[in-house]
C-alpha atoms as a PDB file:
ATOM      1  CA  UNK A   1     -37.875  60.290 -54.819  1.00  0.00           C
ATOM      2  CA  UNK A   2     -40.098  57.696 -55.459  1.00  0.00           C
ATOM      3  CA  UNK A   3     -37.524  56.014 -57.969  1.00  0.00           C
ATOM      4  CA  UNK A   4     -34.997  56.139 -55.563  1.00  0.00           C
ATOM      5  CA  UNK A   5     -37.441  54.118 -53.261  1.00  0.00           C
ATOM      6  CA  UNK A   6     -37.513  51.754 -56.150  1.00  0.00           C
ATOM      7  CA  UNK A   7     -33.939  51.396 -56.408  1.00  0.00           C
ATOM      8  CA  UNK A   8     -33.707  51.175 -53.301  1.00  0.00           C
ATOM      9  CA  UNK A   9     -36.094  48.103 -53.112  1.00  0.00           C
ATOM     10  CA  UNK A  10     -33.995  46.420 -55.350  1.00  0.00           C
ATOM     11  CA  UNK A  11     -30.910  46.880 -53.926  1.00  0.00           C
ATOM     12  CA  UNK A  12     -32.282  45.095 -51.362  1.00  0.00           C
ATOM     13  CA  UNK A  13     -33.683  42.015 -53.073  1.00  0.00           C
ATOM     14  CA  UNK A  14     -30.771  41.760 -55.474  1.00  0.00           C
ATOM     15  CA  UNK A  15     -28.770  41.591 -51.544  1.00  0.00           C
ATOM     16  CA  UNK A  16     -31.084  38.846 -50.278  1.00  0.00           C
ATOM     17  CA  UNK A  17     -30.902  36.523 -53.531  1.00  0.00           C
ATOM     18  CA  UNK A  18     -27.678  36.286 -53.218  1.00  0.00           C
ATOM     19  CA  UNK A  19     -27.681  35.576 -49.481  1.00  0.00           C
ATOM     20  CA  UNK A  20     -29.756  32.689 -50.748  1.00  0.00           C
ATOM     21  CA  UNK A  21     -28.347  31.058 -53.023  1.00  0.00           C
ATOM     22  CA  UNK A  22     -24.984  30.854 -50.997  1.00  0.00           C
ATOM     23  CA  UNK A  23     -26.815  29.616 -48.227  1.00  0.00           C
ATOM     24  CA  UNK A  24     -28.912  26.718 -50.383  1.00  0.00           C
ATOM     25  CA  UNK A  25     -25.742  25.865 -52.471  1.00  0.00           C
ATOM     26  CA  UNK A  26     -22.473  24.536 -50.340  1.00  0.00           C
ATOM     27  CA  UNK A  27     -20.239  22.355 -53.031  1.00  0.00           C
ATOM     28  CA  UNK A  28     -17.894  25.106 -52.925  1.00  0.00           C
ATOM     29  CA  UNK A  29     -17.410  24.549 -48.945  1.00  0.00           C
ATOM     30  CA  UNK A  30     -15.195  21.430 -47.938  1.00  0.00           C
ATOM     31  CA  UNK A  31     -16.816  19.736 -45.298  1.00  0.00           C
ATOM     32  CA  UNK A  32     -15.052  19.523 -41.239  1.00  0.00           C
ATOM     33  CA  UNK A  33     -13.595  15.731 -40.930  1.00  0.00           C
ATOM     34  CA  UNK A  34     -14.352  15.680 -36.929  1.00  0.00           C
ATOM     35  CA  UNK A  35     -12.215  12.456 -36.858  1.00  0.00           C
ATOM     36  CA  UNK A  36      -8.783  14.678 -37.999  1.00  0.00           C
ATOM     37  CA  UNK A  37      -7.031  15.228 -35.293  1.00  0.00           C
ATOM     38  CA  UNK A  38      -4.602  18.667 -35.434  1.00  0.00           C
ATOM     39  CA  UNK A  39      -1.744  16.842 -33.975  1.00  0.00           C
ATOM     40  CA  UNK A  40       0.326  13.639 -34.979  1.00  0.00           C
ATOM     41  CA  UNK A  41      -0.050  10.808 -32.741  1.00  0.00           C
ATOM     42  CA  UNK A  42       2.568  10.319 -30.406  1.00  0.00           C
ATOM     43  CA  UNK A  43       4.527   6.691 -30.410  1.00  0.00           C
ATOM     44  CA  UNK A  44       4.591   6.807 -26.369  1.00  0.00           C
ATOM     45  CA  UNK A  45       2.587   8.792 -24.256  1.00  0.00           C
ATOM     46  CA  UNK A  46       4.298   8.675 -21.231  1.00  0.00           C
ATOM     47  CA  UNK A  47       7.543   9.194 -22.318  1.00  0.00           C
ATOM     48  CA  UNK A  48       6.324  12.378 -24.511  1.00  0.00           C
ATOM     49  CA  UNK A  49       5.372  13.901 -20.996  1.00  0.00           C
ATOM     50  CA  UNK A  50       8.531  12.696 -19.095  1.00  0.00           C
ATOM     51  CA  UNK A  51      10.358  14.864 -21.716  1.00  0.00           C
ATOM     52  CA  UNK A  52       8.203  17.840 -22.223  1.00  0.00           C
ATOM     53  CA  UNK A  53       7.208  18.080 -18.650  1.00  0.00           C
ATOM     54  CA  UNK A  54      11.234  17.968 -18.304  1.00  0.00           C
ATOM     55  CA  UNK A  55      11.884  20.733 -20.458  1.00  0.00           C
ATOM     56  CA  UNK A  56       9.426  23.518 -19.429  1.00  0.00           C
ATOM     57  CA  UNK A  57      11.399  23.394 -15.886  1.00  0.00           C
ATOM     58  CA  UNK A  58       9.936  20.680 -14.105  1.00  0.00           C
ATOM     59  CA  UNK A  59      10.938  18.067 -12.098  1.00  0.00           C
ATOM     60  CA  UNK A  60      10.465  14.399 -12.067  1.00  0.00           C
ATOM     61  CA  UNK A  61      10.953  12.140  -8.968  1.00  0.00           C
ATOM     62  CA  UNK A  62       9.784   8.463 -10.088  1.00  0.00           C
ATOM     63  CA  UNK A  63       9.016   6.184  -7.353  1.00  0.00           C
ATOM     64  CA  UNK A  64       8.038   3.143  -7.478  1.00  0.00           C
ATOM     65  CA  UNK A  65       6.061   2.692  -3.825  1.00  0.00           C
ATOM     66  CA  UNK A  66       4.761   4.363  -1.432  1.00  0.00           C
ATOM     67  CA  UNK A  67       8.707   4.117   0.840  1.00  0.00           C
ATOM     68  CA  UNK A  68       9.928   5.345  -1.942  1.00  0.00           C
ATOM     69  CA  UNK A  69       7.018   8.654  -1.802  1.00  0.00           C
ATOM     70  CA  UNK A  70       7.886   9.292   1.675  1.00  0.00           C
ATOM     71  CA  UNK A  71      11.250   9.146   1.214  1.00  0.00           C
ATOM     72  CA  UNK A  72      11.490  11.742  -1.284  1.00  0.00           C
ATOM     73  CA  UNK A  73       9.084  13.874   0.844  1.00  0.00           C
ATOM     74  CA  UNK A  74      11.374  13.942   3.558  1.00  0.00           C
ATOM     75  CA  UNK A  75      14.415  14.361   1.433  1.00  0.00           C
ATOM     76  CA  UNK A  76      12.676  17.733   0.186  1.00  0.00           C
ATOM     77  CA  UNK A  77      10.982  19.005   3.512  1.00  0.00           C
ATOM     78  CA  UNK A  78      14.753  18.512   5.109  1.00  0.00           C
ATOM     79  CA  UNK A  79      16.460  19.961   1.947  1.00  0.00           C
ATOM     80  CA  UNK A  80      14.687  23.004   1.869  1.00  0.00           C
ATOM     81  CA  UNK A  81      14.288  23.594   5.071  1.00  0.00           C
ATOM     82  CA  UNK A  82       9.951  23.319   5.010  1.00  0.00           C
ATOM     83  CA  UNK A  83       8.268  25.217   8.157  1.00  0.00           C
ATOM     84  CA  UNK A  84       4.785  25.248   7.155  1.00  0.00           C
ATOM     85  CA  UNK A  85       3.630  23.097   3.768  1.00  0.00           C
ATOM     86  CA  UNK A  86      -0.392  23.468   2.664  1.00  0.00           C
ATOM     87  CA  UNK A  87      -1.921  20.185   2.207  1.00  0.00           C
ATOM     88  CA  UNK A  88      -4.922  19.720  -0.213  1.00  0.00           C
ATOM     89  CA  UNK A  89      -6.181  16.645  -0.002  1.00  0.00           C
ATOM     90  CA  UNK A  90      -7.251  14.062   3.361  1.00  0.00           C
ATOM     91  CA  UNK A  91      -5.003  11.084   1.426  1.00  0.00           C
ATOM     92  CA  UNK A  92      -2.171  12.808   1.887  1.00  0.00           C
ATOM     93  CA  UNK A  93      -2.210  13.779   5.819  1.00  0.00           C
ATOM     94  CA  UNK A  94      -1.470  10.175   6.673  1.00  0.00           C
ATOM     95  CA  UNK A  95       2.115  10.556   4.538  1.00  0.00           C
ATOM     96  CA  UNK A  96       3.038  14.139   5.858  1.00  0.00           C
ATOM     97  CA  UNK A  97       2.132  12.597   9.676  1.00  0.00           C
ATOM     98  CA  UNK A  98       4.506   9.938   9.220  1.00  0.00           C
ATOM     99  CA  UNK A  99       7.549  11.782   8.371  1.00  0.00           C
ATOM    100  CA  UNK A 100       6.007  14.978  11.267  1.00  0.00           C
ATOM    101  CA  UNK A 101       6.221  17.531   8.649  1.00  0.00           C
ATOM    102  CA  UNK A 102       4.045  20.619  10.008  1.00  0.00           C
ATOM    103  CA  UNK A 103       1.482  20.874   7.815  1.00  0.00           C
ATOM    104  CA  UNK A 104      -1.844  23.075   7.522  1.00  0.00           C
ATOM    105  CA  UNK A 105      -5.150  22.888   5.680  1.00  0.00           C
ATOM    106  CA  UNK A 106      -6.397  26.378   4.894  1.00  0.00           C
ATOM    107  CA  UNK A 107      -4.089  29.524   4.930  1.00  0.00           C
ATOM    108  CA  UNK A 108      -5.647  33.074   4.940  1.00  0.00           C
ATOM    109  CA  UNK A 109      -5.107  35.676   1.961  1.00  0.00           C
ATOM    110  CA  UNK A 110      -1.062  36.648   2.126  1.00  0.00           C
ATOM    111  CA  UNK A 111      -0.201  33.946   4.730  1.00  0.00           C
ATOM    112  CA  UNK A 112       3.432  32.576   3.573  1.00  0.00           C
ATOM    113  CA  UNK A 113       4.117  28.849   3.233  1.00  0.00           C
ATOM    114  CA  UNK A 114       6.852  27.154   2.528  1.00  0.00           C
ATOM    115  CA  UNK A 115       4.897  24.440  -0.362  1.00  0.00           C
ATOM    116  CA  UNK A 116       2.003  23.254  -1.017  1.00  0.00           C
ATOM    117  CA  UNK A 117       1.149  19.264  -1.257  1.00  0.00           C
ATOM    118  CA  UNK A 118      -1.147  17.898  -4.286  1.00  0.00           C
ATOM    119  CA  UNK A 119      -2.242  15.041  -6.164  1.00  0.00           C
ATOM    120  CA  UNK A 120      -2.569  15.607  -9.830  1.00  0.00           C
ATOM    121  CA  UNK A 121      -4.886  12.734 -11.537  1.00  0.00           C
ATOM    122  CA  UNK A 122      -4.429  13.781 -15.473  1.00  0.00           C
ATOM    123  CA  UNK A 123      -1.344  14.553 -16.457  1.00  0.00           C
ATOM    124  CA  UNK A 124      -0.851  15.960 -20.137  1.00  0.00           C
ATOM    125  CA  UNK A 125       1.634  14.703 -22.500  1.00  0.00           C
ATOM    126  CA  UNK A 126       1.560  17.241 -25.772  1.00  0.00           C
ATOM    127  CA  UNK A 127       2.342  20.507 -23.108  1.00  0.00           C
ATOM    128  CA  UNK A 128       3.341  18.917 -20.690  1.00  0.00           C
ATOM    129  CA  UNK A 129       0.952  20.138 -18.151  1.00  0.00           C
ATOM    130  CA  UNK A 130      -0.253  18.976 -14.871  1.00  0.00           C
ATOM    131  CA  UNK A 131      -3.851  19.465 -15.012  1.00  0.00           C
ATOM    132  CA  UNK A 132      -6.235  19.403 -11.134  1.00  0.00           C
ATOM    133  CA  UNK A 133      -9.593  18.717 -10.518  1.00  0.00           C
ATOM    134  CA  UNK A 134     -11.664  19.754  -7.280  1.00  0.00           C
ATOM    135  CA  UNK A 135     -11.848  16.382  -6.035  1.00  0.00           C
ATOM    136  CA  UNK A 136      -8.551  16.007  -5.534  1.00  0.00           C
ATOM    137  CA  UNK A 137      -8.136  19.450  -4.106  1.00  0.00           C
ATOM    138  CA  UNK A 138      -9.772  22.131  -1.800  1.00  0.00           C
ATOM    139  CA  UNK A 139      -9.071  24.574  -3.592  1.00  0.00           C
ATOM    140  CA  UNK A 140     -10.746  26.759  -6.502  1.00  0.00           C
ATOM    141  CA  UNK A 141      -6.883  26.875  -8.217  1.00  0.00           C
ATOM    142  CA  UNK A 142      -3.127  26.026  -7.694  1.00  0.00           C
ATOM    143  CA  UNK A 143      -1.749  29.050  -8.777  1.00  0.00           C
ATOM    144  CA  UNK A 144      -0.301  31.729  -6.350  1.00  0.00           C
ATOM    145  CA  UNK A 145       0.284  29.544  -3.063  1.00  0.00           C
ATOM    146  CA  UNK A 146       3.924  28.502  -2.935  1.00  0.00           C
ATOM    147  CA  UNK A 147       7.527  29.120  -3.982  1.00  0.00           C
ATOM    148  CA  UNK A 148       7.474  25.467  -4.375  1.00  0.00           C
ATOM    149  CA  UNK A 149       4.378  23.092  -5.759  1.00  0.00           C
ATOM    150  CA  UNK A 150       4.899  19.270  -4.869  1.00  0.00           C
ATOM    151  CA  UNK A 151       2.553  17.159  -6.970  1.00  0.00           C
ATOM    152  CA  UNK A 152       2.048  13.256  -6.589  1.00  0.00           C
ATOM    153  CA  UNK A 153       1.102  11.066  -9.472  1.00  0.00           C
ATOM    154  CA  UNK A 154       1.115   7.956 -11.040  1.00  0.00           C
ATOM    155  CA  UNK A 155       2.256   7.506 -14.499  1.00  0.00           C
ATOM    156  CA  UNK A 156      -0.815   5.991 -15.700  1.00  0.00           C
ATOM    157  CA  UNK A 157      -2.498   8.762 -15.403  1.00  0.00           C
ATOM    158  CA  UNK A 158      -0.695  10.373 -18.582  1.00  0.00           C
ATOM    159  CA  UNK A 159      -2.750  11.121 -21.560  1.00  0.00           C
ATOM    160  CA  UNK A 160      -2.315  12.406 -25.058  1.00  0.00           C
ATOM    161  CA  UNK A 161      -3.792  15.320 -25.259  1.00  0.00           C
ATOM    162  CA  UNK A 162      -5.920  18.107 -23.216  1.00  0.00           C
ATOM    163  CA  UNK A 163      -9.308  17.241 -24.935  1.00  0.00           C
ATOM    164  CA  UNK A 164      -8.482  13.712 -23.297  1.00  0.00           C
ATOM    165  CA  UNK A 165      -7.607  14.940 -19.981  1.00  0.00           C
ATOM    166  CA  UNK A 166     -11.186  16.555 -19.975  1.00  0.00           C
ATOM    167  CA  UNK A 167     -12.789  13.075 -21.445  1.00  0.00           C
ATOM    168  CA  UNK A 168     -10.872  10.990 -18.314  1.00  0.00           C
ATOM    169  CA  UNK A 169     -12.352  13.481 -15.805  1.00  0.00           C
ATOM    170  CA  UNK A 170     -16.158  13.412 -16.693  1.00  0.00           C
ATOM    171  CA  UNK A 171     -15.632   9.394 -16.558  1.00  0.00           C
ATOM    172  CA  UNK A 172     -14.533   9.459 -13.341  1.00  0.00           C
ATOM    173  CA  UNK A 173     -15.888  12.375 -11.520  1.00  0.00           C
ATOM    174  CA  UNK A 174     -18.919  13.717 -13.522  1.00  0.00           C
ATOM    175  CA  UNK A 175     -17.088  16.844 -13.460  1.00  0.00           C
ATOM    176  CA  UNK A 176     -15.623  18.739 -16.179  1.00  0.00           C
ATOM    177  CA  UNK A 177     -13.776  21.147 -14.158  1.00  0.00           C
ATOM    178  CA  UNK A 178      -9.829  21.223 -14.130  1.00  0.00           C
ATOM    179  CA  UNK A 179      -7.483  23.515 -14.319  1.00  0.00           C
ATOM    180  CA  UNK A 180      -4.527  22.497 -16.311  1.00  0.00           C
ATOM    181  CA  UNK A 181      -0.651  24.150 -15.036  1.00  0.00           C
ATOM    182  CA  UNK A 182       1.695  24.439 -17.377  1.00  0.00           C
ATOM    183  CA  UNK A 183       5.840  25.111 -15.484  1.00  0.00           C
ATOM    184  CA  UNK A 184       7.749  27.008 -17.224  1.00  0.00           C
ATOM    185  CA  UNK A 185      11.362  27.445 -16.727  1.00  0.00           C
ATOM    186  CA  UNK A 186      12.639  29.136 -13.449  1.00  0.00           C
ATOM    187  CA  UNK A 187      15.276  32.668 -14.177  1.00  0.00           C
ATOM    188  CA  UNK A 188      18.402  32.311 -12.845  1.00  0.00           C
ATOM    189  CA  UNK A 189      20.403  34.574 -10.950  1.00  0.00           C
ATOM    190  CA  UNK A 190      24.386  34.396 -10.439  1.00  0.00           C
ATOM    191  CA  UNK A 191      23.491  30.641 -11.585  1.00  0.00           C
ATOM    192  CA  UNK A 192      20.990  30.091  -8.545  1.00  0.00           C
ATOM    193  CA  UNK A 193      17.102  29.282  -9.858  1.00  0.00           C
ATOM    194  CA  UNK A 194      14.799  32.187  -8.666  1.00  0.00           C
ATOM    195  CA  UNK A 195      11.605  31.063  -7.689  1.00  0.00           C
ATOM    196  CA  UNK A 196       8.128  33.128  -7.364  1.00  0.00           C
ATOM    197  CA  UNK A 197       4.877  32.913  -6.361  1.00  0.00           C
ATOM    198  CA  UNK A 198       3.680  33.431  -9.690  1.00  0.00           C
ATOM    199  CA  UNK A 199       6.470  30.737 -10.719  1.00  0.00           C
ATOM    200  CA  UNK A 200       6.740  28.583  -8.941  1.00  0.00           C
ATOM    201  CA  UNK A 201       8.364  25.262  -8.467  1.00  0.00           C
ATOM    202  CA  UNK A 202       6.680  22.488 -10.038  1.00  0.00           C
ATOM    203  CA  UNK A 203       8.759  19.117  -8.218  1.00  0.00           C
ATOM    204  CA  UNK A 204       6.741  15.712  -9.532  1.00  0.00           C
ATOM    205  CA  UNK A 205       6.732  12.338  -7.165  1.00  0.00           C
ATOM    206  CA  UNK A 206       5.479   9.773 -10.359  1.00  0.00           C
ATOM    207  CA  UNK A 207       4.767   6.553  -9.324  1.00  0.00           C
ATOM    208  CA  UNK A 208       5.744   4.036 -11.949  1.00  0.00           C
ATOM    209  CA  UNK A 209       4.203   0.151 -10.941  1.00  0.00           C
ATOM    210  CA  UNK A 210       6.471  -0.995 -13.666  1.00  0.00           C
ATOM    211  CA  UNK A 211       9.585  -1.574 -11.778  1.00  0.00           C
ATOM    212  CA  UNK A 212      12.532  -3.760 -13.309  1.00  0.00           C
ATOM    213  CA  UNK A 213      12.573  -6.934 -11.824  1.00  0.00           C
ATOM    214  CA  UNK A 214      16.285  -6.694 -10.871  1.00  0.00           C
ATOM    215  CA  UNK A 215      15.880  -3.245  -9.492  1.00  0.00           C
END
């Protein structure tokens, strides 16, 4: 019995020695370089976002002015016959009132609405995603609200990656909270796109402040 205890103690000391040696010597472990990126740099983040967002199934309508934005909002409301639109930000109220679009500022659980109008201050080129933050929305999540989600943003809000989006959000809002949503292609039945609350259509009214002179 004593012999077994001695052997047990010796085995424990041997294991401890191995652990001490491995923690002291790090020559065989390559150190990571925090400056290295997982993905290659992009030559044009705006073009990359445009391509990836549309490849995911999102729709982009380029606007050069507020008048363009009003024109597209009116076109969508008439074409899709929106009866009730959820307005998620006070800054959008003037546009909706000008166009006489019937909107509400909040909804109860399971209340049916035709579309959501929202602001985004961050677009992610790498994934073609939209970033939503609390300062530009009254809602914890932009998911499962309506079958059509109309997002208003600027081309200058495009960043390369999600980490850039979080850093940008911290800089301007002092809040790390941000929800990223990546559109997914809509399934088709008899050639018609089928929208659902879980898989809505994302329509981006994208303000491009670099209007060509002859446009």
